[in-house]
C-alpha atoms as a PDB file:
ATOM      1  CA  MET A   1     -28.826 -15.908  61.620  1.00  0.00           C
ATOM      2  CA  PRO A   2     -28.703 -15.789  57.834  1.00  0.00           C
ATOM      3  CA  ALA A   3     -25.247 -13.976  56.845  1.00  0.00           C
ATOM      4  CA  GLN A   4     -25.494  -9.905  55.333  1.00  0.00           C
ATOM      5  CA  PRO A   5     -24.097  -9.474  52.140  1.00  0.00           C
ATOM      6  CA  PRO A   6     -21.514  -7.102  52.203  1.00  0.00           C
ATOM      7  CA  PRO A   7     -22.730  -2.945  52.205  1.00  0.00           C
ATOM      8  CA  ASP A   8     -21.888  -1.988  48.824  1.00  0.00           C
ATOM      9  CA  ARG A   9     -23.288  -5.768  47.647  1.00  0.00           C
ATOM     10  CA  PRO A  10     -26.640  -4.521  45.497  1.00  0.00           C
ATOM     11  CA  VAL A  11     -30.511  -6.255  46.659  1.00  0.00           C
ATOM     12  CA  CYS A  12     -32.360  -7.157  44.079  1.00  0.00           C
ATOM     13  CA  ALA A  13     -33.508  -4.660  42.361  1.00  0.00           C
ATOM     14  CA  VAL A  14     -37.810  -6.273  41.758  1.00  0.00           C
ATOM     15  CA  CYS A  15     -38.067  -7.640  45.468  1.00  0.00           C
ATOM     16  CA  GLY A  16     -35.582  -6.494  47.365  1.00  0.00           C
ATOM     17  CA  GLY A  17     -33.935 -10.042  47.995  1.00  0.00           C
ATOM     18  CA  GLN A  18     -30.370 -10.003  49.450  1.00  0.00           C
ATOM     19  CA  GLU A  19     -29.982 -13.229  48.540  1.00  0.00           C
ATOM     20  CA  LEU A  20     -27.973 -12.988  45.456  1.00  0.00           C
ATOM     21  CA  HIS A  21     -26.128 -15.797  43.780  1.00  0.00           C
ATOM     22  CA  LEU A  22     -23.758 -16.064  40.916  1.00  0.00           C
ATOM     23  CA  HIS A  23     -25.313 -17.312  37.575  1.00  0.00           C
ATOM     24  CA  LEU A  24     -22.831 -16.196  35.196  1.00  0.00           C
ATOM     25  CA  ARG A  25     -18.976 -15.197  35.200  1.00  0.00           C
ATOM     26  CA  VAL A  26     -18.949 -13.126  32.856  1.00  0.00           C
ATOM     27  CA  ALA A  27     -17.021  -9.915  33.762  1.00  0.00           C
ATOM     28  CA  GLY A  28     -15.051  -7.962  31.959  1.00  0.00           C
ATOM     29  CA  ALA A  29     -14.959  -3.859  30.406  1.00  0.00           C
ATOM     30  CA  PRO A  30     -16.559  -1.795  27.346  1.00  0.00           C
ATOM     31  CA  GLY A  31     -14.088  -1.469  25.275  1.00  0.00           C
ATOM     32  CA  PRO A  32     -12.470   0.906  23.650  1.00  0.00           C
ATOM     33  CA  GLU A  33     -16.568   1.790  22.175  1.00  0.00           C
ATOM     34  CA  GLY A  34     -17.753   2.461  25.486  1.00  0.00           C
ATOM     35  CA  LEU A  35     -21.050   2.052  26.465  1.00  0.00           C
ATOM     36  CA  THR A  36     -22.634   2.362  22.743  1.00  0.00           C
ATOM     37  CA  PRO A  37     -26.236   0.758  22.456  1.00  0.00           C
ATOM     38  CA  ALA A  38     -24.763  -2.175  19.509  1.00  0.00           C
ATOM     39  CA  THR A  39     -22.086  -4.449  20.250  1.00  0.00           C
ATOM     40  CA  ASP A  40     -20.255  -7.400  18.298  1.00  0.00           C
ATOM     41  CA  ARG A  41     -18.589  -8.389  21.816  1.00  0.00           C
ATOM     42  CA  PHE A  42     -20.753 -11.033  23.707  1.00  0.00           C
ATOM     43  CA  GLY A  43     -20.318 -12.619  26.474  1.00  0.00           C
ATOM     44  CA  VAL A  44     -18.762  -9.587  28.368  1.00  0.00           C
ATOM     45  CA  ALA A  45     -20.602  -7.417  31.289  1.00  0.00           C
ATOM     46  CA  LEU A  46     -19.277  -4.848  33.370  1.00  0.00           C
ATOM     47  CA  GLY A  47     -19.506  -7.806  36.316  1.00  0.00           C
ATOM     48  CA  ASP A  48     -20.212 -10.953  36.908  1.00  0.00           C
ATOM     49  CA  ILE A  49     -23.871 -11.423  36.853  1.00  0.00           C
ATOM     50  CA  VAL A  50     -25.995 -12.936  39.393  1.00  0.00           C
ATOM     51  CA  ARG A  51     -29.638 -14.422  40.746  1.00  0.00           C
ATOM     52  CA  CYS A  52     -31.911 -13.949  43.057  1.00  0.00           C
ATOM     53  CA  ALA A  53     -33.157 -17.117  45.228  1.00  0.00           C
ATOM     54  CA  GLY A  54     -35.997 -15.250  45.967  1.00  0.00           C
ATOM     55  CA  CYS A  55     -37.832 -14.079  42.554  1.00  0.00           C
ATOM     56  CA  GLY A  56     -34.937 -14.897  39.973  1.00  0.00           C
ATOM     57  CA  HIS A  57     -34.219 -11.763  38.866  1.00  0.00           C
ATOM     58  CA  MET A  58     -30.745 -11.196  37.438  1.00  0.00           C
ATOM     59  CA  GLN A  59     -27.827  -8.140  37.948  1.00  0.00           C
ATOM     60  CA  LEU A  60     -24.904  -7.403  37.588  1.00  0.00           C
ATOM     61  CA  ASP A  61     -23.155  -8.798  40.932  1.00  0.00           C
ATOM     62  CA  ARG A  62     -22.111  -4.223  41.100  1.00  0.00           C
ATOM     63  CA  LEU A  63     -24.794  -2.450  40.178  1.00  0.00           C
ATOM     64  CA  PRO A  64     -21.927   0.804  38.405  1.00  0.00           C
ATOM     65  CA  ALA A  65     -21.965   3.680  39.394  1.00  0.00           C
ATOM     66  CA  GLU A  66     -25.341   6.036  37.838  1.00  0.00           C
ATOM     67  CA  ALA A  67     -22.568   9.115  37.079  1.00  0.00           C
ATOM     68  CA  GLY A  68     -20.413   6.727  35.407  1.00  0.00           C
ATOM     69  CA  LEU A  69     -23.812   4.863  33.618  1.00  0.00           C
ATOM     70  CA  ALA A  70     -24.731   9.037  32.939  1.00  0.00           C
ATOM     71  CA  SER A  71     -22.331   9.905  30.870  1.00  0.00           C
ATOM     72  CA  GLY A  72     -21.770   6.249  29.698  1.00  0.00           C
ATOM     73  CA  TYR A  73     -25.197   7.274  27.596  1.00  0.00           C
ATOM     74  CA  ALA A  74     -24.426  10.439  27.292  1.00  0.00           C
ATOM     75  CA  ALA A  75     -21.555  10.089  25.003  1.00  0.00           C
ATOM     76  CA  ALA A  76     -22.835   7.372  23.401  1.00  0.00           C
ATOM     77  CA  THR A  77     -22.812   7.358  19.118  1.00  0.00           C
ATOM     78  CA  GLY A  78     -23.541   4.778  16.804  1.00  0.00           C
ATOM     79  CA  ASP A  79     -24.645   5.025  12.952  1.00  0.00           C
ATOM     80  CA  GLU A  80     -25.451   0.816  13.075  1.00  0.00           C
ATOM     81  CA  TYR A  81     -29.029   2.093  13.209  1.00  0.00           C
ATOM     82  CA  LEU A  82     -29.337   5.070  10.895  1.00  0.00           C
ATOM     83  CA  GLU A  83     -28.136   2.345   8.379  1.00  0.00           C
ATOM     84  CA  GLU A  84     -31.330   0.624   9.330  1.00  0.00           C
ATOM     85  CA  GLU A  85     -34.127   2.341   9.584  1.00  0.00           C
ATOM     86  CA  ALA A  86     -36.057   1.068   7.273  1.00  0.00           C
ATOM     87  CA  GLY A  87     -35.732  -1.826   9.355  1.00  0.00           C
ATOM     88  CA  GLN A  88     -36.215  -0.498  12.636  1.00  0.00           C
ATOM     89  CA  ARG A  89     -39.463   1.704  11.042  1.00  0.00           C
ATOM     90  CA  ALA A  90     -41.640  -1.162  11.188  1.00  0.00           C
ATOM     91  CA  THR A  91     -40.352  -2.764  14.255  1.00  0.00           C
ATOM     92  CA  ALA A  92     -41.594   0.307  15.946  1.00  0.00           C
ATOM     93  CA  ARG A  93     -44.956   0.501  13.852  1.00  0.00           C
ATOM     94  CA  SER A  94     -45.029  -3.819  15.077  1.00  0.00           C
ATOM     95  CA  VAL A  95     -44.410  -1.792  18.209  1.00  0.00           C
ATOM     96  CA  LEU A  96     -47.190   0.577  17.798  1.00  0.00           C
ATOM     97  CA  GLU A  97     -49.602  -1.365  16.381  1.00  0.00           C
ATOM     98  CA  ARG A  98     -49.769  -3.156  20.271  1.00  0.00           C
ATOM     99  CA  LEU A  99     -50.147   0.134  22.079  1.00  0.00           C
ATOM    100  CA  GLU A 100     -52.411   1.829  20.124  1.00  0.00           C
ATOM    101  CA  PRO A 101     -55.524  -0.383  21.290  1.00  0.00           C
ATOM    102  CA  ARG A 102     -54.961  -0.483  24.815  1.00  0.00           C
ATOM    103  CA  VAL A 103     -54.761   3.716  25.037  1.00  0.00           C
ATOM    104  CA  ALA A 104     -57.862   5.855  24.088  1.00  0.00           C
ATOM    105  CA  GLY A 105     -55.397   9.015  23.793  1.00  0.00           C
ATOM    106  CA  ARG A 106     -52.208  10.042  21.911  1.00  0.00           C
ATOM    107  CA  ARG A 107     -49.988  11.674  24.704  1.00  0.00           C
ATOM    108  CA  LEU A 108     -46.774   9.405  23.797  1.00  0.00           C
ATOM    109  CA  LEU A 109     -43.612   9.691  25.885  1.00  0.00           C
ATOM    110  CA  ASP A 110     -40.362   8.106  24.047  1.00  0.00           C
ATOM    111  CA  VAL A 111     -38.494   7.234  27.244  1.00  0.00           C
ATOM    112  CA  GLY A 112     -34.448   6.201  25.077  1.00  0.00           C
ATOM    113  CA  ALA A 113     -36.035   7.475  21.592  1.00  0.00           C
ATOM    114  CA  TRP A 114     -32.471   6.671  20.396  1.00  0.00           C
ATOM    115  CA  VAL A 115     -32.631   8.962  16.655  1.00  0.00           C
ATOM    116  CA  GLY A 116     -35.865   9.064  16.815  1.00  0.00           C
ATOM    117  CA  PHE A 117     -37.711   6.563  14.347  1.00  0.00           C
ATOM    118  CA  LEU A 118     -40.455   4.873  17.241  1.00  0.00           C
ATOM    119  CA  ALA A 119     -41.118   8.618  18.286  1.00  0.00           C
ATOM    120  CA  ALA A 120     -41.116   9.926  14.173  1.00  0.00           C
ATOM    121  CA  GLU A 121     -43.275   6.487  13.082  1.00  0.00           C
ATOM    122  CA  ALA A 122     -46.127   6.939  15.959  1.00  0.00           C
ATOM    123  CA  ARG A 123     -46.047  11.253  15.217  1.00  0.00           C
ATOM    124  CA  ASP A 124     -47.147  10.513  11.189  1.00  0.00           C
ATOM    125  CA  ARG A 125     -50.094   8.160  12.854  1.00  0.00           C
ATOM    126  CA  GLY A 126     -50.950  10.896  14.461  1.00  0.00           C
ATOM    127  CA  TRP A 127     -50.251  10.777  18.074  1.00  0.00           C
ATOM    128  CA  ALA A 128     -48.049  14.277  20.435  1.00  0.00           C
ATOM    129  CA  VAL A 129     -45.146  12.854  21.187  1.00  0.00           C
ATOM    130  CA  ARG A 130     -42.402  13.825  22.947  1.00  0.00           C
ATOM    131  CA  GLY A 131     -39.227  12.065  23.394  1.00  0.00           C
ATOM    132  CA  LEU A 132     -35.924  11.592  25.878  1.00  0.00           C
ATOM    133  CA  GLU A 133     -32.998  10.712  25.090  1.00  0.00           C
ATOM    134  CA  PRO A 134     -29.297  10.516  26.918  1.00  0.00           C
ATOM    135  CA  SER A 135     -27.690  10.757  24.213  1.00  0.00           C
ATOM    136  CA  ALA A 136     -26.115  14.015  22.451  1.00  0.00           C
ATOM    137  CA  TYR A 137     -25.456  12.508  19.242  1.00  0.00           C
ATOM    138  CA  ALA A 138     -29.256  10.467  18.923  1.00  0.00           C
ATOM    139  CA  SER A 139     -31.588  13.310  20.278  1.00  0.00           C
ATOM    140  CA  VAL A 140     -29.254  15.332  18.121  1.00  0.00           C
ATOM    141  CA  HIS A 141     -30.813  13.708  15.280  1.00  0.00           C
ATOM    142  CA  ALA A 142     -34.018  13.174  16.313  1.00  0.00           C
ATOM    143  CA  ARG A 143     -34.436  16.776  16.657  1.00  0.00           C
ATOM    144  CA  GLU A 144     -32.167  18.584  14.149  1.00  0.00           C
ATOM    145  CA  ARG A 145     -33.039  15.632  11.269  1.00  0.00           C
ATOM    146  CA  LEU A 146     -36.715  14.265  11.726  1.00  0.00           C
ATOM    147  CA  GLY A 147     -37.436  17.775  13.332  1.00  0.00           C
ATOM    148  CA  LEU A 148     -39.198  15.698  16.942  1.00  0.00           C
ATOM    149  CA  ASP A 149     -39.422  17.010  20.249  1.00  0.00           C
ATOM    150  CA  VAL A 150     -36.613  14.782  21.763  1.00  0.00           C
ATOM    151  CA  VAL A 151     -35.042  16.165  24.028  1.00  0.00           C
ATOM    152  CA  THR A 152     -31.454  15.280  25.684  1.00  0.00           C
ATOM    153  CA  GLY A 153     -31.346  13.942  29.255  1.00  0.00           C
ATOM    154  CA  ASP A 154     -33.726  11.040  30.889  1.00  0.00           C
ATOM    155  CA  VAL A 155     -36.834  10.216  32.609  1.00  0.00           C
ATOM    156  CA  GLU A 156     -35.633  10.433  35.834  1.00  0.00           C
ATOM    157  CA  SER A 157     -34.776  14.121  35.968  1.00  0.00           C
ATOM    158  CA  ALA A 158     -36.746  15.505  33.044  1.00  0.00           C
ATOM    159  CA  ASP A 159     -39.339  18.327  33.505  1.00  0.00           C
ATOM    160  CA  LEU A 160     -42.412  17.209  32.856  1.00  0.00           C
ATOM    161  CA  PRO A 161     -46.109  17.429  34.569  1.00  0.00           C
ATOM    162  CA  PRO A 162     -47.480  14.358  36.088  1.00  0.00           C
ATOM    163  CA  GLY A 163     -50.320  12.707  34.485  1.00  0.00           C
ATOM    164  CA  GLU A 164     -49.589  14.336  31.043  1.00  0.00           C
ATOM    165  CA  PHE A 165     -49.561  10.983  28.687  1.00  0.00           C
ATOM    166  CA  ASP A 166     -51.698   8.369  27.295  1.00  0.00           C
ATOM    167  CA  ALA A 167     -48.333   6.417  26.656  1.00  0.00           C
ATOM    168  CA  VAL A 168     -45.145   6.399  27.201  1.00  0.00           C
ATOM    169  CA  VAL A 169     -42.687   3.497  25.602  1.00  0.00           C
ATOM    170  CA  LEU A 170     -39.504   2.502  27.014  1.00  0.00           C
ATOM    171  CA  GLY A 171     -37.915   0.509  24.366  1.00  0.00           C
ATOM    172  CA  ASP A 172     -34.380  -1.325  25.311  1.00  0.00           C
ATOM    173  CA  VAL A 173     -34.245   0.760  27.803  1.00  0.00           C
ATOM    174  CA  ILE A 174     -35.436  -0.509  31.305  1.00  0.00           C
ATOM    175  CA  GLU A 175     -31.987  -2.810  31.705  1.00  0.00           C
ATOM    176  CA  HIS A 176     -29.503  -0.181  31.163  1.00  0.00           C
ATOM    177  CA  LEU A 177     -30.833   1.080  34.089  1.00  0.00           C
ATOM    178  CA  ARG A 178     -29.760   1.074  37.624  1.00  0.00           C
ATOM    179  CA  ASP A 179     -32.644   1.916  39.741  1.00  0.00           C
ATOM    180  CA  PRO A 180     -35.493   0.396  37.140  1.00  0.00           C
ATOM    181  CA  GLY A 181     -38.453   0.523  39.467  1.00  0.00           C
ATOM    182  CA  GLY A 182     -37.847   3.933  40.531  1.00  0.00           C
ATOM    183  CA  ALA A 183     -37.743   4.747  36.915  1.00  0.00           C
ATOM    184  CA  LEU A 184     -41.450   3.124  36.644  1.00  0.00           C
ATOM    185  CA  ASP A 185     -42.550   4.927  39.604  1.00  0.00           C
ATOM    186  CA  ARG A 186     -41.781   8.090  37.304  1.00  0.00           C
ATOM    187  CA  VAL A 187     -43.311   6.763  34.789  1.00  0.00           C
ATOM    188  CA  HIS A 188     -46.369   5.797  36.616  1.00  0.00           C
ATOM    189  CA  GLU A 189     -46.417   9.354  38.164  1.00  0.00           C
ATOM    190  CA  LEU A 190     -46.070  11.080  33.799  1.00  0.00           C
ATOM    191  CA  LEU A 191     -49.109   8.934  33.278  1.00  0.00           C
ATOM    192  CA  ALA A 192     -52.319  10.280  33.125  1.00  0.00           C
ATOM    193  CA  PRO A 193     -55.504   7.555  34.713  1.00  0.00           C
ATOM    194  CA  GLY A 194     -55.591   4.334  33.084  1.00  0.00           C
ATOM    195  CA  GLY A 195     -52.233   5.160  30.327  1.00  0.00           C
ATOM    196  CA  ALA A 196     -50.747   2.405  29.674  1.00  0.00           C
ATOM    197  CA  VAL A 197     -46.512   1.387  29.796  1.00  0.00           C
ATOM    198  CA  CYS A 198     -45.328  -0.278  26.981  1.00  0.00           C
ATOM    199  CA  LEU A 199     -41.780  -1.984  27.634  1.00  0.00           C
ATOM    200  CA  MET A 200     -39.500  -4.113  24.501  1.00  0.00           C
ATOM    201  CA  LEU A 201     -36.337  -5.855  26.346  1.00  0.00           C
ATOM    202  CA  PRO A 202     -34.503  -9.152  26.362  1.00  0.00           C
ATOM    203  CA  ASP A 203     -36.321 -12.010  28.593  1.00  0.00           C
ATOM    204  CA  ALA A 204     -33.228 -13.826  29.757  1.00  0.00           C
ATOM    205  CA  GLY A 205     -35.674 -16.030  31.090  1.00  0.00           C
ATOM    206  CA  SER A 206     -35.813 -17.463  27.070  1.00  0.00           C
ATOM    207  CA  ARG A 207     -35.379 -21.079  26.392  1.00  0.00           C
ATOM    208  CA  LEU A 208     -31.926 -19.507  24.185  1.00  0.00           C
ATOM    209  CA  ALA A 209     -30.427 -17.264  26.737  1.00  0.00           C
ATOM    210  CA  ARG A 210     -30.479 -20.451  28.974  1.00  0.00           C
ATOM    211  CA  THR A 211     -28.941 -22.404  26.520  1.00  0.00           C
ATOM    212  CA  LEU A 212     -26.114 -20.114  25.760  1.00  0.00           C
ATOM    213  CA  GLY A 213     -25.523 -18.820  29.179  1.00  0.00           C
ATOM    214  CA  ALA A 214     -22.689 -16.190  28.790  1.00  0.00           C
ATOM    215  CA  ARG A 215     -22.698 -16.411  25.070  1.00  0.00           C
ATOM    216  CA  TRP A 216     -25.665 -15.148  24.746  1.00  0.00           C
ATOM    217  CA  TRP A 217     -25.921 -12.173  22.341  1.00  0.00           C
ATOM    218  CA  SER A 218     -27.920 -10.032  24.412  1.00  0.00           C
ATOM    219  CA  VAL A 219     -24.808 -10.079  27.109  1.00  0.00           C
ATOM    220  CA  VAL A 220     -23.329  -7.028  26.331  1.00  0.00           C
ATOM    221  CA  PRO A 221     -22.271  -3.882  28.242  1.00  0.00           C
ATOM    222  CA  THR A 222     -24.637  -1.603  28.948  1.00  0.00           C
ATOM    223  CA  HIS A 223     -26.948  -4.051  29.610  1.00  0.00           C
ATOM    224  CA  VAL A 224     -27.081  -3.609  34.071  1.00  0.00           C
ATOM    225  CA  HIS A 225     -31.176  -6.142  34.448  1.00  0.00           C
ATOM    226  CA  TYR A 226     -31.154  -9.304  33.313  1.00  0.00           C
ATOM    227  CA  PHE A 227     -34.837  -9.717  33.216  1.00  0.00           C
ATOM    228  CA  THR A 228     -36.678 -12.566  32.747  1.00  0.00           C
ATOM    229  CA  ARG A 229     -41.052 -12.861  32.390  1.00  0.00           C
ATOM    230  CA  ALA A 230     -41.665 -13.762  35.469  1.00  0.00           C
ATOM    231  CA  SER A 231     -39.416 -10.878  37.451  1.00  0.00           C
ATOM    232  CA  MET A 232     -40.287  -8.075  34.652  1.00  0.00           C
ATOM    233  CA  ARG A 233     -44.110  -9.055  35.163  1.00  0.00           C
ATOM    234  CA  ALA A 234     -43.154  -8.458  39.421  1.00  0.00           C
ATOM    235  CA  LEU A 235     -41.471  -5.084  38.646  1.00  0.00           C
ATOM    236  CA  LEU A 236     -44.590  -3.875  37.169  1.00  0.00           C
ATOM    237  CA  VAL A 237     -47.393  -4.679  39.501  1.00  0.00           C
ATOM    238  CA  ARG A 238     -44.742  -4.178  42.801  1.00  0.00           C
ATOM    239  CA  HIS A 239     -44.603  -0.231  40.730  1.00  0.00           C
ATOM    240  CA  GLY A 240     -48.491  -0.160  40.424  1.00  0.00           C
ATOM    241  CA  PHE A 241     -49.402  -1.396  36.749  1.00  0.00           C
ATOM    242  CA  ASP A 242     -51.542  -4.020  35.513  1.00  0.00           C
ATOM    243  CA  VAL A 243     -49.756  -6.233  33.579  1.00  0.00           C
ATOM    244  CA  LEU A 244     -52.436  -6.090  29.786  1.00  0.00           C
ATOM    245  CA  GLU A 245     -49.965  -8.176  27.450  1.00  0.00           C
ATOM    246  CA  LEU A 246     -46.323 -10.273  27.604  1.00  0.00           C
ATOM    247  CA  GLY A 247     -45.324 -11.511  24.235  1.00  0.00           C
ATOM    248  CA  THR A 248     -42.157 -12.154  22.489  1.00  0.00           C
ATOM    249  CA  HIS A 249     -40.999  -8.753  20.135  1.00  0.00           C
ATOM    250  CA  PRO A 250     -38.554  -9.572  17.100  1.00  0.00           C
ATOM    251  CA  LYS A 251     -36.790  -6.928  15.244  1.00  0.00           C
ATOM    252  CA  ALA A 252     -36.940  -6.134  11.586  1.00  0.00           C
ATOM    253  CA  PHE A 253     -32.738  -6.115   9.954  1.00  0.00           C
ATOM    254  CA  SER A 254     -31.591  -5.708   7.053  1.00  0.00           C
ATOM    255  CA  VAL A 255     -30.681 -10.055   6.342  1.00  0.00           C
ATOM    256  CA  ARG A 256     -27.301  -8.460   5.542  1.00  0.00           C
ATOM    257  CA  TYR A 257     -26.738  -7.045   9.972  1.00  0.00           C
ATOM    258  CA  TYR A 258     -28.223  -9.935  10.858  1.00  0.00           C
ATOM    259  CA  LEU A 259     -25.798 -12.170   9.578  1.00  0.00           C
ATOM    260  CA  GLY A 260     -23.184  -9.693  10.063  1.00  0.00           C
ATOM    261  CA  ARG A 261     -23.991 -10.229  13.819  1.00  0.00           C
ATOM    262  CA  ALA A 262     -22.141 -13.424  14.124  1.00  0.00           C
ATOM    263  CA  GLY A 263     -19.202 -11.680  13.922  1.00  0.00           C
ATOM    264  CA  GLY A 264     -19.377 -11.624  17.414  1.00  0.00           C
ATOM    265  CA  TYR A 265     -18.818 -15.583  18.037  1.00  0.00           C
ATOM    266  CA  SER A 266     -16.769 -16.080  14.570  1.00  0.00           C
ATOM    267  CA  ARG A 267     -15.812 -13.053  12.294  1.00  0.00           C
ATOM    268  CA  PRO A 268     -14.699 -15.318   9.689  1.00  0.00           C
ATOM    269  CA  LEU A 269     -17.985 -16.501   9.791  1.00  0.00           C
ATOM    270  CA  ALA A 270     -20.203 -13.802  10.149  1.00  0.00           C
ATOM    271  CA  ARG A 271     -18.018 -12.360   6.630  1.00  0.00           C
ATOM    272  CA  LEU A 272     -18.251 -14.975   4.920  1.00  0.00           C
ATOM    273  CA  LEU A 273     -22.834 -15.521   5.859  1.00  0.00           C
ATOM    274  CA  VAL A 274     -22.754 -11.671   4.179  1.00  0.00           C
ATOM    275  CA  ALA A 275     -20.959 -12.864   1.019  1.00  0.00           C
ATOM    276  CA  ALA A 276     -23.345 -15.668   0.456  1.00  0.00           C
ATOM    277  CA  ALA A 277     -26.530 -13.676   1.364  1.00  0.00           C
ATOM    278  CA  GLU A 278     -24.491 -10.807  -1.227  1.00  0.00           C
ATOM    279  CA  ARG A 279     -24.882 -13.104  -4.380  1.00  0.00           C
ATOM    280  CA  LEU A 280     -28.423 -14.819  -3.859  1.00  0.00           C
ATOM    281  CA  GLY A 281     -29.032 -11.275  -3.310  1.00  0.00           C
ATOM    282  CA  VAL A 282     -30.460 -10.931  -0.105  1.00  0.00           C
ATOM    283  CA  ALA A 283     -29.098  -9.527   1.687  1.00  0.00           C
ATOM    284  CA  ASP A 284     -30.649  -6.065   2.003  1.00  0.00           C
ATOM    285  CA  ARG A 285     -34.254  -7.735   2.436  1.00  0.00           C
ATOM    286  CA  LEU A 286     -35.533  -6.558   5.969  1.00  0.00           C
ATOM    287  CA  TRP A 287     -35.526 -10.290   8.446  1.00  0.00           C
ATOM    288  CA  ALA A 288     -37.669 -10.069  11.583  1.00  0.00           C
ATOM    289  CA  PRO A 289     -36.860 -13.726  12.768  1.00  0.00           C
ATOM    290  CA  ASP A 290     -38.784 -14.331  16.213  1.00  0.00           C
ATOM    291  CA  PHE A 291     -36.185 -16.472  18.797  1.00  0.00           C
ATOM    292  CA  HIS A 292     -38.603 -15.508  22.024  1.00  0.00           C
ATOM    293  CA  ASP A 293     -36.081 -14.084  23.752  1.00  0.00           C
ATOM    294  CA  ARG A 294     -37.109 -10.941  22.869  1.00  0.00           C
ATOM    295  CA  MET A 295     -40.268  -9.478  25.426  1.00  0.00           C
ATOM    296  CA  LEU A 296     -42.533  -6.600  25.035  1.00  0.00           C
ATOM    297  CA  VAL A 297     -44.533  -6.013  28.444  1.00  0.00           C
ATOM    298  CA  LEU A 298     -47.794  -3.220  27.718  1.00  0.00           C
ATOM    299  CA  GLY A 299     -48.359  -2.599  31.838  1.00  0.00           C
ATOM    300  CA  ARG A 300     -51.918   0.011  32.475  1.00  0.00           C
ATOM    301  CA  ARG A 301     -51.239   1.980  35.383  1.00  0.00           C
ATOM    302  CA  ARG A 302     -53.178   2.118  38.490  1.00  0.00           C
END
């Protein structure tokens, strides 16, 4: 009879398997900035990363307490994304262009709306939009600066009627959740028949992620789960969705922002790169390089 894991050890969030083996030793602490949406401390997580022998999904070896995650996300701030509004809006438009042909209606729920750029772009394209965002800082900005209907809260506890939406977007959200399957069950309930879910997230099975290992820039304190394309597909199917599309999803930022992110590996190098871009007059140009380590997944409610 196989040995049973310790009682406090999580089972695989995708397939429920209990055989989880050490994948990357990256244990650390979030640092003084807390659980922020952006960090320059790559290769740091809240625990080591284990891999399920059954389906290949990766997650922290000890899932953080729900209360700790909730308080961390509620307190999250970050002006970096406000400074990168043009790129964030361009990325949002590219997402909506892929989503819109998949749905007939125009009622959208943006889960993890952050400061509201995707919700604002959707509203401008004729969607009736509601948003959920646990960060008080971000949700207040979305309401007061952009005039959006964004509630400070999360999808699990939000008071929303079943079948209310034609589409639900989770952009850089599901990898942060302790129970991603439970979140998808809730999304399934909120979608109208034939409605679609759209997820954007890091691809831990990509060639770049495998090459960089613990130094991959998506190994950060806020990430609880590390999905591959196969494990993301399996999770969706298990929770009542048919996968319609699974492709890459580059993000648009300024050249300055991307080169500055090299500071996660070498701050002197990042300063040199940004200075060179400024001399060439390209530092403020939008850039959306596709490193093939991010995915966009569209699923239809069964």
